Protein backbone atom coordinates (compact mmCIF):
# COMPACT_ATOMS: atom_id res chain seq x y z
CA MET A 1 -14.05 27.49 -62.32
CA TYR A 2 -17.12 27.03 -64.49
CA LYS A 3 -20.65 26.07 -63.49
CA LEU A 4 -23.10 24.55 -65.96
CA ASN A 5 -26.81 24.29 -65.07
CA VAL A 6 -29.41 22.04 -66.68
CA VAL A 7 -33.10 22.01 -65.73
CA SER A 8 -35.70 19.30 -66.22
CA ASP A 9 -38.89 18.11 -64.52
CA PHE A 10 -41.06 15.16 -63.63
CA SER A 11 -44.46 14.54 -62.06
CA SER A 12 -45.02 12.00 -59.31
CA ALA A 13 -47.03 11.16 -56.23
CA HIS A 14 -45.85 10.41 -52.70
CA ARG A 15 -46.83 10.54 -49.07
CA LEU A 16 -44.65 11.24 -46.05
CA GLU A 17 -44.79 8.53 -43.40
CA GLY A 18 -44.62 9.83 -39.84
CA TYR A 19 -45.32 13.41 -40.87
CA GLU A 20 -48.09 15.16 -38.97
CA GLY A 21 -49.71 17.32 -41.59
CA ALA A 22 -51.31 17.28 -45.00
CA CYS A 23 -48.27 15.72 -46.68
CA HIS A 24 -48.96 12.52 -44.77
CA ASN A 25 -51.77 11.97 -47.27
CA LEU A 26 -51.20 10.84 -50.83
CA HIS A 27 -50.49 13.87 -53.04
CA GLY A 28 -48.49 14.81 -56.10
CA HIS A 29 -46.05 17.40 -57.36
CA ASN A 30 -44.80 18.69 -60.65
CA TRP A 31 -41.15 18.64 -59.60
CA LYS A 32 -38.61 20.94 -61.24
CA VAL A 33 -34.97 19.80 -61.04
CA ARG A 34 -31.81 21.84 -61.61
CA VAL A 35 -28.42 20.16 -61.74
CA GLY A 36 -25.29 22.27 -61.26
CA ILE A 37 -22.05 20.88 -62.73
CA LEU A 38 -18.65 22.34 -61.79
CA ALA A 39 -15.70 22.14 -64.14
CA SER A 40 -12.20 23.37 -63.46
CA GLN A 41 -11.14 23.59 -67.10
CA VAL A 42 -12.33 23.44 -70.67
CA ASP A 43 -11.38 20.94 -73.33
CA GLU A 44 -9.49 21.60 -76.57
CA ILE A 45 -12.56 23.19 -78.20
CA GLY A 46 -13.39 25.35 -75.20
CA MET A 47 -16.19 23.30 -73.59
CA THR A 48 -16.49 22.01 -70.04
CA VAL A 49 -19.04 19.27 -70.72
CA ASP A 50 -21.57 18.93 -73.50
CA PHE A 51 -25.00 20.24 -72.40
CA GLY A 52 -26.55 17.44 -74.45
CA ILE A 53 -24.82 14.75 -72.40
CA VAL A 54 -25.99 16.24 -69.11
CA LYS A 55 -29.52 16.72 -70.47
CA GLN A 56 -29.68 13.13 -71.69
CA HIS A 57 -28.62 11.63 -68.35
CA LEU A 58 -30.94 13.93 -66.41
CA ASN A 59 -33.91 13.26 -68.71
CA ASP A 60 -33.32 9.49 -68.53
CA LEU A 61 -33.50 9.73 -64.74
CA MET A 62 -36.58 11.97 -64.89
CA SER A 63 -38.29 9.34 -67.07
CA GLU A 64 -37.70 6.72 -64.36
CA LEU A 65 -39.39 8.93 -61.74
CA ASP A 66 -42.11 10.44 -63.93
CA HIS A 67 -45.71 9.50 -63.17
CA GLY A 68 -44.68 7.06 -60.47
CA TYR A 69 -45.62 6.57 -56.85
CA LEU A 70 -42.28 7.34 -55.20
CA ASN A 71 -43.04 5.42 -52.00
CA ASP A 72 -43.20 2.17 -54.00
CA MET A 73 -39.96 2.71 -55.92
CA GLU A 74 -36.98 0.57 -54.96
CA CYS A 75 -34.70 3.62 -54.73
CA PHE A 76 -36.78 4.99 -51.83
CA LYS A 77 -37.34 1.74 -49.93
CA GLY A 78 -36.75 2.33 -46.23
CA MET A 79 -36.91 6.13 -46.48
CA ASN A 80 -39.45 8.84 -47.05
CA PRO A 81 -39.37 10.30 -50.56
CA THR A 82 -38.92 13.84 -49.22
CA SER A 83 -37.50 16.66 -51.32
CA GLU A 84 -34.24 16.13 -49.43
CA ASN A 85 -34.04 12.42 -50.26
CA ILE A 86 -35.10 12.92 -53.86
CA ALA A 87 -32.44 15.61 -54.39
CA ARG A 88 -29.75 13.38 -52.89
CA TYR A 89 -30.86 10.40 -54.98
CA ILE A 90 -30.63 12.44 -58.18
CA PHE A 91 -27.24 13.84 -57.10
CA ASP A 92 -25.84 10.36 -56.41
CA ARG A 93 -27.17 8.85 -59.63
CA LEU A 94 -25.86 11.66 -61.83
CA SER A 95 -22.51 11.78 -60.04
CA LYS A 96 -21.90 8.15 -61.03
CA VAL A 97 -22.24 8.89 -64.74
CA LEU A 98 -21.06 12.50 -65.05
CA ASN A 99 -18.17 12.95 -62.64
CA ALA A 100 -14.76 12.92 -64.33
CA ASP A 101 -11.27 14.28 -63.71
CA PHE A 102 -12.18 17.94 -64.09
CA VAL A 103 -15.98 17.81 -63.94
CA ARG A 104 -18.30 16.96 -61.05
CA VAL A 105 -21.92 17.29 -60.06
CA ALA A 106 -21.89 20.12 -57.53
CA GLU A 107 -25.54 20.37 -56.53
CA VAL A 108 -29.07 19.35 -57.26
CA GLU A 109 -31.93 21.73 -56.58
CA ILE A 110 -35.45 20.37 -56.59
CA TRP A 111 -38.65 22.43 -56.42
CA GLU A 112 -41.85 20.84 -55.17
CA SER A 113 -43.68 24.07 -55.88
CA GLU A 114 -42.87 27.43 -57.43
CA ARG A 115 -42.08 28.81 -53.96
CA SER A 116 -40.29 25.90 -52.25
CA SER A 117 -37.01 24.24 -53.18
CA MET A 118 -34.29 22.11 -51.64
CA VAL A 119 -30.63 22.04 -52.62
CA TYR A 120 -28.40 19.02 -52.01
CA PHE A 121 -24.61 19.38 -52.39
CA GLU A 122 -21.46 17.86 -50.97
């Protein structure tokens, strides 16, 4: 089994409804995102999946989230844009475009600070 990792980032603002603490107020993060891709085999030239393809899909998604107010985005309607929900959203979106016969998105790790991260996996 092989595991490929790609890292990107985005900046955005949010607030957590129903949370009793400072994060209830409008605030922002410089989010760091790591996507882990599992592959059970390599192709005829010895690659699992092209890093460039994964980077492109991840960066396209980061551009959609970058410098936005997450609470107002359609993808987070009806839910708090917590680290947990953001990680799952990224996982689901990337799984739709990257998963194939021998390759699948295994996990998404998202850091809201240098000391705090969340990992979503199935």
